[in-house]
Amino acid sequence: MSDPRHQFVVEPGTKVDLSSIDPRDTGHLRDKDSARAQLEKDAAAIDELQERLFAERQHALLIILQGMDTSGKDGTVRAVFQATSPVGVTVTAFSRPTEAELAHDFLWRVHKACPPRGTIGIFNRSQYEDVLVGRVRKLAPAKVIEHRYNQINAFEDLIASSTKVLKFMLHISKEEQGERLRARLEEPQKHWKFDPGDLADRSMWSDYMQAYEQVLSRCSTEVAPWYVIPSDRKWARNAIVASIVRRTLEDMDPQYPEPRWDPRQFEVD
């Protein structure tokens, strides 16, 4: 599989038009079977690289997953990190802020959840909710929302000295979301996934697409790039994200540390 980072990255300074990006695109993947086979290889490699990252404890990797409801944030985590030891990996799901969180600046709860050196942190939703939901539902004045783009960029630049940031927008079509929501209503084992509030967000689809275009255009930077991942086909989504995560970890090139003692000096009876 060729490097998908070149195909799906949002180049800094470019203006994004999501209507021009096909949510059913599979990139250079040939078919479902070969994609799943590649995913297995990448998942195993991610596990080995994560162990080296944990042993080295010099850098961290932060993975941000954003997308409309049913875009597959949970499914992506399960697939990409299927082989990864839970030691050294954390997943944080950001929901409605608590009273304590609302008493601080909007980045306070996010900074607390950032992964320490040696670990991989995964955000299921993130600080970007404050310029997505916040903008669409007018939870803050437009002037405040406007300032937040630069504040987020500055925050990600701040942590970049020790943390590599990958940001994935899981891009699904409104038609595919409709099918997935209907499945949640029709299949009893999926009822727990359905939230009536999802329908309210769905009714504001075009507003959310405009909000995402602003985020992608204004907050894809050299230190924290955005990738728009076509997500109508789950198998393609998972394989593309896994490939990008693996290649990023390979570029980070974590190494097992040299011991501060000579193993030849010891014996185990």
C-alpha atoms as a PDB file:
ATOM      1  CA  MET A   1       0.000   0.000   0.000  1.00  0.00           C
ATOM      2  CA  SER A   2       1.454   3.375  -0.995  1.00  0.00           C
ATOM      3  CA  ASP A   3       1.704   6.090   1.617  1.00  0.00           C
ATOM      4  CA  PRO A   4      -1.856   7.417   2.119  1.00  0.00           C
ATOM      5  CA  ARG A   5      -0.641  10.481   3.968  1.00  0.00           C
ATOM      6  CA  HIS A   6       0.027  12.251   0.686  1.00  0.00           C
ATOM      7  CA  GLN A   7      -3.468  11.542  -0.647  1.00  0.00           C
ATOM      8  CA  PHE A   8      -5.582  12.328   2.407  1.00  0.00           C
ATOM      9  CA  VAL A   9      -3.673  15.095   4.203  1.00  0.00           C
ATOM     10  CA  VAL A  10      -5.039  18.629   4.298  1.00  0.00           C
ATOM     11  CA  GLU A  11      -2.077  20.717   3.234  1.00  0.00           C
ATOM     12  CA  PRO A  12      -1.641  23.705   5.563  1.00  0.00           C
ATOM     13  CA  GLY A  13      -3.127  26.875   4.144  1.00  0.00           C
ATOM     14  CA  THR A  14      -5.487  25.154   1.711  1.00  0.00           C
ATOM     15  CA  LYS A  15      -9.246  25.686   1.633  1.00  0.00           C
ATOM     16  CA  VAL A  16     -11.240  22.473   2.053  1.00  0.00           C
ATOM     17  CA  ASP A  17     -14.432  21.661   0.168  1.00  0.00           C
ATOM     18  CA  LEU A  18     -15.841  18.429   1.610  1.00  0.00           C
ATOM     19  CA  SER A  19     -18.334  18.078  -1.226  1.00  0.00           C
ATOM     20  CA  SER A  20     -15.385  17.429  -3.545  1.00  0.00           C
ATOM     21  CA  ILE A  21     -14.086  14.520  -1.417  1.00  0.00           C
ATOM     22  CA  ASP A  22     -15.735  11.164  -2.126  1.00  0.00           C
ATOM     23  CA  PRO A  23     -16.687   9.418   1.161  1.00  0.00           C
ATOM     24  CA  ARG A  24     -16.537   6.073  -0.686  1.00  0.00           C
ATOM     25  CA  ASP A  25     -13.006   6.547  -1.964  1.00  0.00           C
ATOM     26  CA  THR A  26     -10.678   3.659  -1.119  1.00  0.00           C
ATOM     27  CA  GLY A  27      -7.423   5.309  -2.093  1.00  0.00           C
ATOM     28  CA  HIS A  28      -4.950   2.784  -3.454  1.00  0.00           C
ATOM     29  CA  LEU A  29      -6.599  -0.183  -1.740  1.00  0.00           C
ATOM     30  CA  ARG A  30      -7.517  -2.884  -4.220  1.00  0.00           C
ATOM     31  CA  ASP A  31     -10.336  -4.658  -2.404  1.00  0.00           C
ATOM     32  CA  LYS A  32     -11.757  -5.540   1.002  1.00  0.00           C
ATOM     33  CA  ASP A  33      -9.724  -8.728   1.501  1.00  0.00           C
ATOM     34  CA  SER A  34      -6.367  -7.169   0.702  1.00  0.00           C
ATOM     35  CA  ALA A  35      -7.240  -4.138   2.848  1.00  0.00           C
ATOM     36  CA  ARG A  36      -8.011  -6.368   5.823  1.00  0.00           C
ATOM     37  CA  ALA A  37      -4.806  -8.318   5.308  1.00  0.00           C
ATOM     38  CA  GLN A  38      -2.820  -5.079   5.281  1.00  0.00           C
ATOM     39  CA  LEU A  39      -4.679  -3.889   8.376  1.00  0.00           C
ATOM     40  CA  GLU A  40      -3.573  -7.030  10.245  1.00  0.00           C
ATOM     41  CA  LYS A  41       0.060  -6.354   9.334  1.00  0.00           C
ATOM     42  CA  ASP A  42      -0.156  -2.699  10.292  1.00  0.00           C
ATOM     43  CA  ALA A  43      -1.891  -3.481  13.598  1.00  0.00           C
ATOM     44  CA  ALA A  44       0.897  -5.904  14.521  1.00  0.00           C
ATOM     45  CA  ALA A  45       3.533  -3.329  13.592  1.00  0.00           C
ATOM     46  CA  ILE A  46       1.769  -0.660  15.661  1.00  0.00           C
ATOM     47  CA  ASP A  47       1.915  -2.984  18.669  1.00  0.00           C
ATOM     48  CA  GLU A  48       5.672  -3.442  18.307  1.00  0.00           C
ATOM     49  CA  LEU A  49       6.264   0.271  17.738  1.00  0.00           C
ATOM     50  CA  GLN A  50       4.095   1.171  20.725  1.00  0.00           C
ATOM     51  CA  GLU A  51       6.213  -1.094  22.942  1.00  0.00           C
ATOM     52  CA  ARG A  52       9.351   0.692  21.776  1.00  0.00           C
ATOM     53  CA  LEU A  53       7.681   4.072  22.357  1.00  0.00           C
ATOM     54  CA  PHE A  54       6.741   2.988  25.884  1.00  0.00           C
ATOM     55  CA  ALA A  55      10.247   1.714  26.623  1.00  0.00           C
ATOM     56  CA  GLU A  56      11.942   4.826  25.275  1.00  0.00           C
ATOM     57  CA  ARG A  57       9.622   7.316  27.038  1.00  0.00           C
ATOM     58  CA  GLN A  58      10.866  10.309  25.054  1.00  0.00           C
ATOM     59  CA  HIS A  59       7.799  11.177  22.980  1.00  0.00           C
ATOM     60  CA  ALA A  60       4.051  10.627  22.854  1.00  0.00           C
ATOM     61  CA  LEU A  61       1.544  10.205  20.052  1.00  0.00           C
ATOM     62  CA  LEU A  62      -1.864  11.881  20.226  1.00  0.00           C
ATOM     63  CA  ILE A  63      -4.541  10.699  17.805  1.00  0.00           C
ATOM     64  CA  ILE A  64      -7.677  12.810  17.418  1.00  0.00           C
ATOM     65  CA  LEU A  65     -10.812  11.307  15.865  1.00  0.00           C
ATOM     66  CA  GLN A  66     -13.611  13.607  14.770  1.00  0.00           C
ATOM     67  CA  GLY A  67     -16.634  12.921  12.613  1.00  0.00           C
ATOM     68  CA  MET A  68     -20.379  13.041  12.432  1.00  0.00           C
ATOM     69  CA  ASP A  69     -22.376  10.515  14.461  1.00  0.00           C
ATOM     70  CA  THR A  70     -21.965   6.944  13.106  1.00  0.00           C
ATOM     71  CA  SER A  71     -18.752   7.855  11.257  1.00  0.00           C
ATOM     72  CA  GLY A  72     -16.974   5.083  13.149  1.00  0.00           C
ATOM     73  CA  LYS A  73     -14.742   6.610  15.794  1.00  0.00           C
ATOM     74  CA  ASP A  74     -15.117   3.645  18.182  1.00  0.00           C
ATOM     75  CA  GLY A  75     -14.823   1.127  15.353  1.00  0.00           C
ATOM     76  CA  THR A  76     -11.629   2.756  14.126  1.00  0.00           C
ATOM     77  CA  VAL A  77     -10.042   2.475  17.566  1.00  0.00           C
ATOM     78  CA  ARG A  78     -10.996  -1.206  17.851  1.00  0.00           C
ATOM     79  CA  ALA A  79      -9.651  -2.051  14.394  1.00  0.00           C
ATOM     80  CA  VAL A  80      -6.426  -0.057  14.353  1.00  0.00           C
ATOM     81  CA  PHE A  81      -5.364  -0.993  17.879  1.00  0.00           C
ATOM     82  CA  GLN A  82      -6.693  -4.554  17.840  1.00  0.00           C
ATOM     83  CA  ALA A  83      -3.240  -6.010  18.542  1.00  0.00           C
ATOM     84  CA  THR A  84      -1.886  -3.254  20.785  1.00  0.00           C
ATOM     85  CA  SER A  85      -1.230  -3.877  24.458  1.00  0.00           C
ATOM     86  CA  PRO A  86      -3.455  -1.691  26.653  1.00  0.00           C
ATOM     87  CA  VAL A  87      -0.344  -0.728  28.602  1.00  0.00           C
ATOM     88  CA  GLY A  88       0.717   2.623  27.238  1.00  0.00           C
ATOM     89  CA  VAL A  89      -2.521   3.409  25.375  1.00  0.00           C
ATOM     90  CA  THR A  90      -5.374   5.566  26.667  1.00  0.00           C
ATOM     91  CA  VAL A  91      -8.706   6.480  25.077  1.00  0.00           C
ATOM     92  CA  THR A  92     -10.554   9.603  26.184  1.00  0.00           C
ATOM     93  CA  ALA A  93     -14.111  10.264  25.042  1.00  0.00           C
ATOM     94  CA  PHE A  94     -15.099  13.904  25.369  1.00  0.00           C
ATOM     95  CA  SER A  95     -18.775  14.512  26.018  1.00  0.00           C
ATOM     96  CA  ARG A  96     -20.703  17.475  27.394  1.00  0.00           C
ATOM     97  CA  PRO A  97     -18.411  19.470  29.759  1.00  0.00           C
ATOM     98  CA  THR A  98     -18.978  19.104  33.476  1.00  0.00           C
ATOM     99  CA  GLU A  99     -19.547  22.102  35.749  1.00  0.00           C
ATOM    100  CA  ALA A 100     -15.936  21.888  36.908  1.00  0.00           C
ATOM    101  CA  GLU A 101     -14.704  21.874  33.308  1.00  0.00           C
ATOM    102  CA  LEU A 102     -16.933  24.797  32.367  1.00  0.00           C
ATOM    103  CA  ALA A 103     -15.368  26.774  35.205  1.00  0.00           C
ATOM    104  CA  HIS A 104     -12.039  26.696  33.338  1.00  0.00           C
ATOM    105  CA  ASP A 105     -10.958  27.637  29.826  1.00  0.00           C
ATOM    106  CA  PHE A 106     -12.142  25.261  27.089  1.00  0.00           C
ATOM    107  CA  LEU A 107      -8.709  23.655  26.674  1.00  0.00           C
ATOM    108  CA  TRP A 108      -8.272  22.809  30.361  1.00  0.00           C
ATOM    109  CA  ARG A 109      -9.866  19.364  30.210  1.00  0.00           C
ATOM    110  CA  VAL A 110      -8.057  18.586  26.964  1.00  0.00           C
ATOM    111  CA  HIS A 111      -4.601  19.419  28.296  1.00  0.00           C
ATOM    112  CA  LYS A 112      -5.212  17.195  31.318  1.00  0.00           C
ATOM    113  CA  ALA A 113      -5.981  14.253  29.033  1.00  0.00           C
ATOM    114  CA  CYS A 114      -2.941  14.586  26.772  1.00  0.00           C
ATOM    115  CA  PRO A 115      -0.738  11.483  26.786  1.00  0.00           C
ATOM    116  CA  PRO A 116       2.526  11.532  28.759  1.00  0.00           C
ATOM    117  CA  ARG A 117       5.786  10.594  27.078  1.00  0.00           C
ATOM    118  CA  GLY A 118       5.945   6.947  26.122  1.00  0.00           C
ATOM    119  CA  THR A 119       2.244   6.549  25.467  1.00  0.00           C
ATOM    120  CA  ILE A 120      -0.354   6.788  22.735  1.00  0.00           C
ATOM    121  CA  GLY A 121      -3.425   8.851  23.568  1.00  0.00           C
ATOM    122  CA  ILE A 122      -6.607   8.642  21.518  1.00  0.00           C
ATOM    123  CA  PHE A 123      -9.285  11.334  21.680  1.00  0.00           C
ATOM    124  CA  ASN A 124     -12.793  10.303  20.659  1.00  0.00           C
ATOM    125  CA  ARG A 125     -13.934  13.855  19.937  1.00  0.00           C
ATOM    126  CA  SER A 126     -11.715  16.607  21.258  1.00  0.00           C
ATOM    127  CA  GLN A 127     -11.108  20.331  21.632  1.00  0.00           C
ATOM    128  CA  TYR A 128     -12.614  20.683  18.174  1.00  0.00           C
ATOM    129  CA  GLU A 129     -16.085  20.153  19.590  1.00  0.00           C
ATOM    130  CA  ASP A 130     -15.781  23.727  20.864  1.00  0.00           C
ATOM    131  CA  VAL A 131     -15.552  25.076  17.316  1.00  0.00           C
ATOM    132  CA  LEU A 132     -17.901  22.531  15.736  1.00  0.00           C
ATOM    133  CA  VAL A 133     -20.864  22.050  18.060  1.00  0.00           C
ATOM    134  CA  GLY A 134     -20.061  25.408  19.607  1.00  0.00           C
ATOM    135  CA  ARG A 135     -20.396  27.124  16.241  1.00  0.00           C
ATOM    136  CA  VAL A 136     -23.390  25.206  14.852  1.00  0.00           C
ATOM    137  CA  ARG A 137     -25.449  25.344  18.027  1.00  0.00           C
ATOM    138  CA  LYS A 138     -24.240  28.859  18.892  1.00  0.00           C
ATOM    139  CA  LEU A 139     -23.027  27.825  22.343  1.00  0.00           C
ATOM    140  CA  ALA A 140     -20.596  30.740  22.379  1.00  0.00           C
ATOM    141  CA  PRO A 141     -20.495  34.144  20.660  1.00  0.00           C
ATOM    142  CA  ALA A 142     -19.087  34.157  17.132  1.00  0.00           C
ATOM    143  CA  LYS A 143     -16.166  36.318  18.283  1.00  0.00           C
ATOM    144  CA  VAL A 144     -15.216  33.718  20.909  1.00  0.00           C
ATOM    145  CA  ILE A 145     -15.434  30.882  18.395  1.00  0.00           C
ATOM    146  CA  GLU A 146     -13.242  32.862  16.011  1.00  0.00           C
ATOM    147  CA  HIS A 147     -10.478  33.194  18.614  1.00  0.00           C
ATOM    148  CA  ARG A 148     -10.564  29.485  19.383  1.00  0.00           C
ATOM    149  CA  TYR A 149      -9.066  28.420  16.040  1.00  0.00           C
ATOM    150  CA  ASN A 150      -5.829  30.243  16.801  1.00  0.00           C
ATOM    151  CA  GLN A 151      -5.910  29.110  20.435  1.00  0.00           C
ATOM    152  CA  ILE A 152      -6.172  25.470  19.347  1.00  0.00           C
ATOM    153  CA  ASN A 153      -3.299  25.897  16.892  1.00  0.00           C
ATOM    154  CA  ALA A 154      -1.170  27.492  19.603  1.00  0.00           C
ATOM    155  CA  PHE A 155      -2.019  24.689  22.029  1.00  0.00           C
ATOM    156  CA  GLU A 156      -1.042  21.983  19.543  1.00  0.00           C
ATOM    157  CA  ASP A 157       2.174  23.837  18.767  1.00  0.00           C
ATOM    158  CA  LEU A 158       2.896  24.005  22.514  1.00  0.00           C
ATOM    159  CA  ILE A 159       2.723  20.242  23.013  1.00  0.00           C
ATOM    160  CA  ALA A 160       4.536  19.438  19.748  1.00  0.00           C
ATOM    161  CA  SER A 161       7.965  19.382  21.386  1.00  0.00           C
ATOM    162  CA  SER A 162       7.111  16.066  23.029  1.00  0.00           C
ATOM    163  CA  THR A 163       3.915  14.913  21.307  1.00  0.00           C
ATOM    164  CA  LYS A 164       3.215  14.070  17.682  1.00  0.00           C
ATOM    165  CA  VAL A 165      -0.391  14.953  16.837  1.00  0.00           C
ATOM    166  CA  LEU A 166      -2.450  13.145  14.181  1.00  0.00           C
ATOM    167  CA  LYS A 167      -5.971  14.367  13.427  1.00  0.00           C
ATOM    168  CA  PHE A 168      -8.485  12.295  11.481  1.00  0.00           C
ATOM    169  CA  MET A 169     -11.813  13.589  10.209  1.00  0.00           C
ATOM    170  CA  LEU A 170     -13.909  10.496   9.416  1.00  0.00           C
ATOM    171  CA  HIS A 171     -15.852  11.681   6.382  1.00  0.00           C
ATOM    172  CA  ILE A 172     -19.163   9.923   5.729  1.00  0.00           C
ATOM    173  CA  SER A 173     -22.044  10.842   3.460  1.00  0.00           C
ATOM    174  CA  LYS A 174     -25.439  11.844   4.777  1.00  0.00           C
ATOM    175  CA  GLU A 175     -26.909   8.823   2.961  1.00  0.00           C
ATOM    176  CA  GLU A 176     -24.548   6.401   4.706  1.00  0.00           C
ATOM    177  CA  GLN A 177     -25.264   7.994   8.067  1.00  0.00           C
ATOM    178  CA  GLY A 178     -28.983   7.491   7.424  1.00  0.00           C
ATOM    179  CA  GLU A 179     -28.442   3.771   6.811  1.00  0.00           C
ATOM    180  CA  ARG A 180     -26.410   3.393   9.994  1.00  0.00           C
ATOM    181  CA  LEU A 181     -28.946   5.282  12.095  1.00  0.00           C
ATOM    182  CA  ARG A 182     -31.779   3.154  10.713  1.00  0.00           C
ATOM    183  CA  ALA A 183     -29.815   0.017  11.614  1.00  0.00           C
ATOM    184  CA  ARG A 184     -29.592   1.263  15.199  1.00  0.00           C
ATOM    185  CA  LEU A 185     -33.366   1.570  15.303  1.00  0.00           C
ATOM    186  CA  GLU A 186     -34.114  -1.711  13.551  1.00  0.00           C
ATOM    187  CA  GLU A 187     -31.628  -4.035  15.264  1.00  0.00           C
ATOM    188  CA  PRO A 188     -32.303  -4.609  19.017  1.00  0.00           C
ATOM    189  CA  GLN A 189     -28.617  -5.162  19.797  1.00  0.00           C
ATOM    190  CA  LYS A 190     -27.876  -1.691  18.434  1.00  0.00           C
ATOM    191  CA  HIS A 191     -30.622   0.210  20.274  1.00  0.00           C
ATOM    192  CA  TRP A 192     -28.169   1.291  22.956  1.00  0.00           C
ATOM    193  CA  LYS A 193     -26.163   3.165  20.322  1.00  0.00           C
ATOM    194  CA  PHE A 194     -29.089   5.335  19.240  1.00  0.00           C
ATOM    195  CA  ASP A 195     -29.402   8.832  20.647  1.00  0.00           C
ATOM    196  CA  PRO A 196     -32.387  10.962  19.593  1.00  0.00           C
ATOM    197  CA  GLY A 197     -30.038  13.929  19.677  1.00  0.00           C
ATOM    198  CA  ASP A 198     -28.285  12.455  16.646  1.00  0.00           C
ATOM    199  CA  LEU A 199     -31.338  13.332  14.563  1.00  0.00           C
ATOM    200  CA  ALA A 200     -31.125  16.961  15.632  1.00  0.00           C
ATOM    201  CA  ASP A 201     -27.499  17.131  14.486  1.00  0.00           C
ATOM    202  CA  ARG A 202     -28.451  15.359  11.250  1.00  0.00           C
ATOM    203  CA  SER A 203     -31.008  18.078  10.502  1.00  0.00           C
ATOM    204  CA  MET A 204     -28.119  20.583  10.599  1.00  0.00           C
ATOM    205  CA  TRP A 205     -25.870  18.559   8.291  1.00  0.00           C
ATOM    206  CA  SER A 206     -24.918  21.420   5.959  1.00  0.00           C
ATOM    207  CA  ASP A 207     -24.059  23.650   8.934  1.00  0.00           C
ATOM    208  CA  TYR A 208     -21.794  20.960  10.337  1.00  0.00           C
ATOM    209  CA  MET A 209     -20.079  20.462   6.989  1.00  0.00           C
ATOM    210  CA  GLN A 210     -19.336  24.191   6.848  1.00  0.00           C
ATOM    211  CA  ALA A 211     -18.014  24.064  10.422  1.00  0.00           C
ATOM    212  CA  TYR A 212     -15.765  21.120   9.544  1.00  0.00           C
ATOM    213  CA  GLU A 213     -14.470  22.907   6.467  1.00  0.00           C
ATOM    214  CA  GLN A 214     -13.458  25.839   8.657  1.00  0.00           C
ATOM    215  CA  VAL A 215     -11.672  23.537  11.114  1.00  0.00           C
ATOM    216  CA  LEU A 216      -9.838  21.625   8.402  1.00  0.00           C
ATOM    217  CA  SER A 217      -8.833  24.764   6.512  1.00  0.00           C
ATOM    218  CA  ARG A 218      -7.696  26.744   9.525  1.00  0.00           C
ATOM    219  CA  CYS A 219      -6.257  24.100  11.849  1.00  0.00           C
ATOM    220  CA  SER A 220      -4.217  21.789   9.635  1.00  0.00           C
ATOM    221  CA  THR A 221      -0.613  22.697  10.406  1.00  0.00           C
ATOM    222  CA  GLU A 222       2.848  21.262   9.840  1.00  0.00           C
ATOM    223  CA  VAL A 223       3.044  20.041  13.444  1.00  0.00           C
ATOM    224  CA  ALA A 224      -0.547  18.790  13.624  1.00  0.00           C
ATOM    225  CA  PRO A 225      -1.967  17.919  10.201  1.00  0.00           C
ATOM    226  CA  TRP A 226      -5.556  16.954   9.487  1.00  0.00           C
ATOM    227  CA  TYR A 227      -6.395  13.913   7.366  1.00  0.00           C
ATOM    228  CA  VAL A 228      -9.824  13.540   5.758  1.00  0.00           C
ATOM    229  CA  ILE A 229     -10.549   9.807   5.723  1.00  0.00           C
ATOM    230  CA  PRO A 230     -13.334   8.515   3.435  1.00  0.00           C
ATOM    231  CA  SER A 231     -15.477   6.461   5.825  1.00  0.00           C
ATOM    232  CA  ASP A 232     -18.517   5.122   3.987  1.00  0.00           C
ATOM    233  CA  ARG A 233     -16.594   1.852   3.609  1.00  0.00           C
ATOM    234  CA  LYS A 234     -15.472   0.779   7.068  1.00  0.00           C
ATOM    235  CA  TRP A 235     -12.783  -1.583   5.797  1.00  0.00           C
ATOM    236  CA  ALA A 236     -11.130   1.187   3.788  1.00  0.00           C
ATOM    237  CA  ARG A 237     -11.395   3.667   6.670  1.00  0.00           C
ATOM    238  CA  ASN A 238      -9.700   1.290   9.091  1.00  0.00           C
ATOM    239  CA  ALA A 239      -6.910   0.302   6.722  1.00  0.00           C
ATOM    240  CA  ILE A 240      -6.104   3.889   5.763  1.00  0.00           C
ATOM    241  CA  VAL A 241      -5.950   5.114   9.366  1.00  0.00           C
ATOM    242  CA  ALA A 242      -3.836   2.132  10.458  1.00  0.00           C
ATOM    243  CA  SER A 243      -1.367   2.766   7.645  1.00  0.00           C
ATOM    244  CA  ILE A 244      -0.994   6.426   8.595  1.00  0.00           C
ATOM    245  CA  VAL A 245      -0.551   5.605  12.294  1.00  0.00           C
ATOM    246  CA  ARG A 246       2.064   2.950  11.517  1.00  0.00           C
ATOM    247  CA  ARG A 247       4.029   5.186   9.160  1.00  0.00           C
ATOM    248  CA  THR A 248       3.954   8.054  11.652  1.00  0.00           C
ATOM    249  CA  LEU A 249       5.311   5.821  14.412  1.00  0.00           C
ATOM    250  CA  GLU A 250       7.985   4.533  12.052  1.00  0.00           C
ATOM    251  CA  ASP A 251       9.026   8.120  11.329  1.00  0.00           C
ATOM    252  CA  MET A 252       9.174   8.789  15.084  1.00  0.00           C
ATOM    253  CA  ASP A 253      11.465   5.734  15.224  1.00  0.00           C
ATOM    254  CA  PRO A 254      11.328   4.952  18.958  1.00  0.00           C
ATOM    255  CA  GLN A 255      14.181   2.769  20.207  1.00  0.00           C
ATOM    256  CA  TYR A 256      14.651   0.441  23.134  1.00  0.00           C
ATOM    257  CA  PRO A 257      16.946   2.214  25.609  1.00  0.00           C
ATOM    258  CA  GLU A 258      20.395   0.868  26.310  1.00  0.00           C
ATOM    259  CA  PRO A 259      20.609  -0.651  29.812  1.00  0.00           C
ATOM    260  CA  ARG A 260      22.731   1.168  32.383  1.00  0.00           C
ATOM    261  CA  TRP A 261      24.286  -2.156  33.389  1.00  0.00           C
ATOM    262  CA  ASP A 262      26.056  -4.969  31.560  1.00  0.00           C
ATOM    263  CA  PRO A 263      23.741  -7.987  31.093  1.00  0.00           C
ATOM    264  CA  ARG A 264      26.819 -10.232  30.982  1.00  0.00           C
ATOM    265  CA  GLN A 265      27.512  -9.486  34.633  1.00  0.00           C
ATOM    266  CA  PHE A 266      24.383 -11.267  35.812  1.00  0.00           C
ATOM    267  CA  GLU A 267      23.166 -14.853  35.996  1.00  0.00           C
ATOM    268  CA  VAL A 268      19.753 -16.261  36.865  1.00  0.00           C
ATOM    269  CA  ASP A 269      20.046 -19.511  38.846  1.00  0.00           C
END
